[in-house]
Every structure is written in C-alpha cells, then in structure tokens.
Amino acid sequence: MFEIEPGDKLKVVLAINDITHKEITRYRDYEWRITLWTVTLMAGIVAAVRSTNLSGPNQSGIQVLLTFFLLVVLCLGIGHVCFVHSRLVTNWKIRRNLDDQLGLFQKDAYFAGTVLPSEWERRSIKWTRGLPHLLTFWVIMLASATYAFYTVWWPGS
C-alpha cells in the first residue's frame, strides 16, 4: 500500500475528475455513433432491396433472413445504447462524488458563494435521468427499422 501526501490528494482527485470528464464525453458520443451505425446498416438493407428484384422462388426466404438481420441490428443497437447509457450514469455519479470531495457545493469554500449551483447537488442521478435522450435514440432506430421492414416485405411499394 502507498500513502498519498496531503498536497497530492488534490492532484489525484483532479486527475480522476479529468478522466471522468473524458469518459462522459466519450460515452455521450457513443450514443450518437451507435444510433448512426444502426440507421446506416438499416439504410444499407433498404438500398439493397430497392436496387434488386426480390421476386422469385426464394423471395420469402430472403425476406425472412433480412427481417432476422434487421431485428438483430435493432436489438444490438438499442441494447448497446442502454449499456453505454448505464456507463454514462456511473461516470456521472463518480463526478458528483468528486464534486463533493472538492467542496464545489460548499458555500464560501473557494470564493463568495458556491462554485456549482446548489440545485445540482440535490439532483438525483439515476438511469432515467437521460431518458429523453434515450427515447430520441430509440425512436430514430425504431423509425428506421419500421421503414426497413416495410421495404423488405413490400419492396414494390
């Protein structure tokens, strides 16, 4: 075990805070990237179906395979966005603890008033905190999947 000098504790907390900030930014970007990749894969299926003729003896088999692929892509996209969001919430909680450790909510700790608004301290950090953003990602993926399913099953429409 090693000991941290009193002057180094602040450096350690600030380093962890910097790492946590970078992780939060990275996970926020991942939510958008996963959504974009999911929509892009579905758009590729739509483009492939639109550019080929699915009529023939194997039409229903191809449609079932494409539907299965779309379902897998959709489930992986939504599941991965949920996983990334849970990692984001974990890092938000770490940052909140670091803010407490640094005394950023304490009145007159660094200068007159508080560094961070006191309303932020009372805000609970739960998985549902970013639900409006999650719903946005889910709706984008579901809308793309709905159009892709429609295109696979009614290619001539």
C-alpha atoms as a PDB file:
ATOM      1  CA  MET A   1       0.000   0.000   0.000  1.00  0.00           C
ATOM      2  CA  PHE A   2       1.232   3.503  -0.661  1.00  0.00           C
ATOM      3  CA  GLU A   3       0.467   6.776   1.020  1.00  0.00           C
ATOM      4  CA  ILE A   4      -0.565   9.952  -0.698  1.00  0.00           C
ATOM      5  CA  GLU A   5       0.849  13.176   0.626  1.00  0.00           C
ATOM      6  CA  PRO A   6      -1.791  15.751   1.651  1.00  0.00           C
ATOM      7  CA  GLY A   7      -0.782  18.039  -1.224  1.00  0.00           C
ATOM      8  CA  ASP A   8      -1.046  15.164  -3.708  1.00  0.00           C
ATOM      9  CA  LYS A   9      -4.617  14.231  -2.761  1.00  0.00           C
ATOM     10  CA  LEU A  10      -5.948  17.226  -4.635  1.00  0.00           C
ATOM     11  CA  LYS A  11      -3.888  16.277  -7.687  1.00  0.00           C
ATOM     12  CA  VAL A  12      -5.247  12.731  -7.582  1.00  0.00           C
ATOM     13  CA  VAL A  13      -8.857  13.921  -7.257  1.00  0.00           C
ATOM     14  CA  LEU A  14      -8.360  16.406 -10.100  1.00  0.00           C
ATOM     15  CA  ALA A  15      -6.802  13.695 -12.302  1.00  0.00           C
ATOM     16  CA  ILE A  16      -9.728  11.360 -11.621  1.00  0.00           C
ATOM     17  CA  ASN A  17     -12.116  14.235 -12.344  1.00  0.00           C
ATOM     18  CA  ASP A  18     -10.376  14.856 -15.688  1.00  0.00           C
ATOM     19  CA  ILE A  19     -10.547  11.167 -16.617  1.00  0.00           C
ATOM     20  CA  THR A  20     -14.216  11.027 -15.652  1.00  0.00           C
ATOM     21  CA  HIS A  21     -14.978  14.108 -17.766  1.00  0.00           C
ATOM     22  CA  LYS A  22     -13.300  12.471 -20.787  1.00  0.00           C
ATOM     23  CA  GLU A  23     -15.257   9.251 -20.217  1.00  0.00           C
ATOM     24  CA  ILE A  24     -18.548  11.153 -20.008  1.00  0.00           C
ATOM     25  CA  THR A  25     -17.775  12.899 -23.298  1.00  0.00           C
ATOM     26  CA  ARG A  26     -16.764   9.599 -24.923  1.00  0.00           C
ATOM     27  CA  TYR A  27     -19.934   7.798 -23.814  1.00  0.00           C
ATOM     28  CA  ARG A  28     -22.124  10.706 -24.941  1.00  0.00           C
ATOM     29  CA  ASP A  29     -20.530  10.449 -28.379  1.00  0.00           C
ATOM     30  CA  TYR A  30     -21.019   6.667 -28.407  1.00  0.00           C
ATOM     31  CA  GLU A  31     -24.776   7.030 -28.008  1.00  0.00           C
ATOM     32  CA  TRP A  32     -24.900   9.028 -31.237  1.00  0.00           C
ATOM     33  CA  ARG A  33     -22.400   6.795 -33.042  1.00  0.00           C
ATOM     34  CA  ILE A  34     -24.295   3.613 -32.197  1.00  0.00           C
ATOM     35  CA  THR A  35     -27.537   5.171 -33.403  1.00  0.00           C
ATOM     36  CA  LEU A  36     -25.854   6.324 -36.621  1.00  0.00           C
ATOM     37  CA  TRP A  37     -24.347   2.887 -37.290  1.00  0.00           C
ATOM     38  CA  THR A  38     -27.685   1.173 -36.658  1.00  0.00           C
ATOM     39  CA  VAL A  39     -29.527   3.513 -39.015  1.00  0.00           C
ATOM     40  CA  THR A  40     -26.766   3.155 -41.624  1.00  0.00           C
ATOM     41  CA  LEU A  41     -26.968  -0.655 -41.583  1.00  0.00           C
ATOM     42  CA  MET A  42     -30.731  -0.479 -41.979  1.00  0.00           C
ATOM     43  CA  ALA A  43     -30.388   2.035 -44.812  1.00  0.00           C
ATOM     44  CA  GLY A  44     -27.992  -0.387 -46.497  1.00  0.00           C
ATOM     45  CA  ILE A  45     -30.648  -3.106 -46.367  1.00  0.00           C
ATOM     46  CA  VAL A  46     -33.210  -0.688 -47.805  1.00  0.00           C
ATOM     47  CA  ALA A  47     -30.818   0.296 -50.617  1.00  0.00           C
ATOM     48  CA  ALA A  48     -30.062  -3.359 -51.386  1.00  0.00           C
ATOM     49  CA  VAL A  49     -33.757  -4.279 -51.506  1.00  0.00           C
ATOM     50  CA  ARG A  50     -34.629  -1.263 -53.654  1.00  0.00           C
ATOM     51  CA  SER A  51     -31.812  -1.986 -56.128  1.00  0.00           C
ATOM     52  CA  THR A  52     -32.630  -5.675 -56.634  1.00  0.00           C
ATOM     53  CA  ASN A  53     -35.656  -7.660 -57.611  1.00  0.00           C
ATOM     54  CA  LEU A  54     -36.802  -9.900 -54.768  1.00  0.00           C
ATOM     55  CA  SER A  55     -39.397 -11.762 -56.783  1.00  0.00           C
ATOM     56  CA  GLY A  56     -38.884 -15.425 -57.422  1.00  0.00           C
ATOM     57  CA  PRO A  57     -38.973 -18.746 -55.627  1.00  0.00           C
ATOM     58  CA  ASN A  58     -36.661 -17.593 -52.810  1.00  0.00           C
ATOM     59  CA  GLN A  59     -38.433 -14.306 -52.094  1.00  0.00           C
ATOM     60  CA  SER A  60     -39.978 -15.286 -48.763  1.00  0.00           C
ATOM     61  CA  GLY A  61     -36.758 -16.911 -47.549  1.00  0.00           C
ATOM     62  CA  ILE A  62     -34.758 -13.767 -48.348  1.00  0.00           C
ATOM     63  CA  GLN A  63     -37.381 -11.614 -46.670  1.00  0.00           C
ATOM     64  CA  VAL A  64     -37.221 -13.753 -43.509  1.00  0.00           C
ATOM     65  CA  LEU A  65     -33.408 -13.565 -43.445  1.00  0.00           C
ATOM     66  CA  LEU A  66     -33.432  -9.795 -43.953  1.00  0.00           C
ATOM     67  CA  THR A  67     -36.075  -9.408 -41.245  1.00  0.00           C
ATOM     68  CA  PHE A  68     -33.966 -11.508 -38.872  1.00  0.00           C
ATOM     69  CA  PHE A  69     -30.889  -9.399 -39.676  1.00  0.00           C
ATOM     70  CA  LEU A  70     -32.853  -6.172 -39.111  1.00  0.00           C
ATOM     71  CA  LEU A  71     -34.158  -7.454 -35.773  1.00  0.00           C
ATOM     72  CA  VAL A  72     -30.647  -8.405 -34.656  1.00  0.00           C
ATOM     73  CA  VAL A  73     -29.268  -4.993 -35.680  1.00  0.00           C
ATOM     74  CA  LEU A  74     -32.136  -3.212 -33.940  1.00  0.00           C
ATOM     75  CA  CYS A  75     -31.778  -5.224 -30.706  1.00  0.00           C
ATOM     76  CA  LEU A  76     -27.998  -4.784 -30.650  1.00  0.00           C
ATOM     77  CA  GLY A  77     -28.334  -1.050 -31.313  1.00  0.00           C
ATOM     78  CA  ILE A  78     -30.908  -0.464 -28.579  1.00  0.00           C
ATOM     79  CA  GLY A  79     -29.097  -2.771 -26.153  1.00  0.00           C
ATOM     80  CA  HIS A  80     -25.738  -1.140 -26.769  1.00  0.00           C
ATOM     81  CA  VAL A  81     -27.195   2.358 -26.316  1.00  0.00           C
ATOM     82  CA  CYS A  82     -28.683   1.211 -22.981  1.00  0.00           C
ATOM     83  CA  PHE A  83     -25.334  -0.272 -21.902  1.00  0.00           C
ATOM     84  CA  VAL A  84     -23.453   2.886 -22.859  1.00  0.00           C
ATOM     85  CA  HIS A  85     -26.037   4.979 -21.024  1.00  0.00           C
ATOM     86  CA  SER A  86     -25.532   2.931 -17.852  1.00  0.00           C
ATOM     87  CA  ARG A  87     -21.774   3.559 -18.114  1.00  0.00           C
ATOM     88  CA  LEU A  88     -22.531   7.255 -18.583  1.00  0.00           C
ATOM     89  CA  VAL A  89     -24.665   7.297 -15.423  1.00  0.00           C
ATOM     90  CA  THR A  90     -21.874   5.552 -13.493  1.00  0.00           C
ATOM     91  CA  ASN A  91     -19.439   8.265 -14.546  1.00  0.00           C
ATOM     92  CA  TRP A  92     -21.960  10.993 -13.655  1.00  0.00           C
ATOM     93  CA  LYS A  93     -22.133   9.502 -10.149  1.00  0.00           C
ATOM     94  CA  ILE A  94     -18.339   9.423  -9.885  1.00  0.00           C
ATOM     95  CA  ARG A  95     -18.185  13.051 -10.952  1.00  0.00           C
ATOM     96  CA  ARG A  96     -20.837  14.005  -8.388  1.00  0.00           C
ATOM     97  CA  ASN A  97     -18.791  12.317  -5.649  1.00  0.00           C
ATOM     98  CA  LEU A  98     -15.687  14.163  -6.815  1.00  0.00           C
ATOM     99  CA  ASP A  99     -17.587  17.460  -6.789  1.00  0.00           C
ATOM    100  CA  ASP A 100     -18.494  16.730  -3.171  1.00  0.00           C
ATOM    101  CA  GLN A 101     -14.891  15.803  -2.345  1.00  0.00           C
ATOM    102  CA  LEU A 102     -13.642  19.054  -3.861  1.00  0.00           C
ATOM    103  CA  GLY A 103     -16.255  21.016  -1.924  1.00  0.00           C
ATOM    104  CA  LEU A 104     -17.743  22.561  -5.034  1.00  0.00           C
ATOM    105  CA  PHE A 105     -21.190  22.739  -3.411  1.00  0.00           C
ATOM    106  CA  GLN A 106     -19.943  24.263  -0.121  1.00  0.00           C
ATOM    107  CA  LYS A 107     -20.685  27.910   0.368  1.00  0.00           C
ATOM    108  CA  ASP A 108     -17.623  30.171   0.531  1.00  0.00           C
ATOM    109  CA  ALA A 109     -15.208  27.235   0.148  1.00  0.00           C
ATOM    110  CA  TYR A 110     -13.232  28.901  -2.649  1.00  0.00           C
ATOM    111  CA  PHE A 111     -14.817  32.326  -3.014  1.00  0.00           C
ATOM    112  CA  ALA A 112     -18.060  34.072  -2.088  1.00  0.00           C
ATOM    113  CA  GLY A 113     -20.905  31.695  -2.927  1.00  0.00           C
ATOM    114  CA  THR A 114     -20.608  28.190  -4.345  1.00  0.00           C
ATOM    115  CA  VAL A 115     -18.647  27.012  -7.364  1.00  0.00           C
ATOM    116  CA  LEU A 116     -21.555  24.909  -8.639  1.00  0.00           C
ATOM    117  CA  PRO A 117     -25.253  25.736  -8.275  1.00  0.00           C
ATOM    118  CA  SER A 118     -26.744  24.186  -5.150  1.00  0.00           C
ATOM    119  CA  GLU A 119     -29.667  22.792  -7.218  1.00  0.00           C
ATOM    120  CA  TRP A 120     -27.226  20.412  -8.888  1.00  0.00           C
ATOM    121  CA  GLU A 121     -26.326  18.832  -5.551  1.00  0.00           C
ATOM    122  CA  ARG A 122     -29.944  17.878  -4.861  1.00  0.00           C
ATOM    123  CA  ARG A 123     -30.479  16.361  -8.320  1.00  0.00           C
ATOM    124  CA  SER A 124     -30.513  12.595  -8.135  1.00  0.00           C
ATOM    125  CA  ILE A 125     -28.509  10.679 -10.680  1.00  0.00           C
ATOM    126  CA  LYS A 126     -30.418   7.635 -11.862  1.00  0.00           C
ATOM    127  CA  TRP A 127     -30.562   5.630 -15.047  1.00  0.00           C
ATOM    128  CA  THR A 128     -33.744   7.509 -16.023  1.00  0.00           C
ATOM    129  CA  ARG A 129     -32.008  10.905 -15.844  1.00  0.00           C
ATOM    130  CA  GLY A 130     -31.164  10.818 -19.546  1.00  0.00           C
ATOM    131  CA  LEU A 131     -34.405   9.136 -20.597  1.00  0.00           C
ATOM    132  CA  PRO A 132     -35.468  11.908 -23.030  1.00  0.00           C
ATOM    133  CA  HIS A 133     -32.180  11.434 -24.894  1.00  0.00           C
ATOM    134  CA  LEU A 134     -32.534   7.660 -24.840  1.00  0.00           C
ATOM    135  CA  LEU A 135     -36.052   7.949 -26.212  1.00  0.00           C
ATOM    136  CA  THR A 136     -34.695  10.083 -29.048  1.00  0.00           C
ATOM    137  CA  PHE A 137     -32.140   7.404 -29.971  1.00  0.00           C
ATOM    138  CA  TRP A 138     -34.728   4.637 -29.678  1.00  0.00           C
ATOM    139  CA  VAL A 139     -37.276   6.490 -31.825  1.00  0.00           C
ATOM    140  CA  ILE A 140     -34.666   7.154 -34.531  1.00  0.00           C
ATOM    141  CA  MET A 141     -33.702   3.460 -34.597  1.00  0.00           C
ATOM    142  CA  LEU A 142     -37.309   2.229 -34.472  1.00  0.00           C
ATOM    143  CA  ALA A 143     -38.404   4.583 -37.250  1.00  0.00           C
ATOM    144  CA  SER A 144     -35.530   3.372 -39.427  1.00  0.00           C
ATOM    145  CA  ALA A 145     -36.357  -0.241 -38.635  1.00  0.00           C
ATOM    146  CA  THR A 146     -40.028   0.285 -39.426  1.00  0.00           C
ATOM    147  CA  TYR A 147     -39.180   1.722 -42.839  1.00  0.00           C
ATOM    148  CA  ALA A 148     -36.687  -1.098 -43.472  1.00  0.00           C
ATOM    149  CA  PHE A 149     -39.258  -3.774 -42.535  1.00  0.00           C
ATOM    150  CA  TYR A 150     -41.789  -2.128 -44.826  1.00  0.00           C
ATOM    151  CA  THR A 151     -39.271  -2.062 -47.669  1.00  0.00           C
ATOM    152  CA  VAL A 152     -38.308  -5.723 -47.177  1.00  0.00           C
ATOM    153  CA  TRP A 153     -41.887  -7.016 -47.099  1.00  0.00           C
ATOM    154  CA  TRP A 154     -43.395  -4.665 -49.693  1.00  0.00           C
ATOM    155  CA  PRO A 155     -40.439  -3.883 -51.987  1.00  0.00           C
ATOM    156  CA  GLY A 156     -42.529  -2.643 -54.886  1.00  0.00           C
ATOM    157  CA  SER A 157     -44.464  -0.077 -52.838  1.00  0.00           C
END
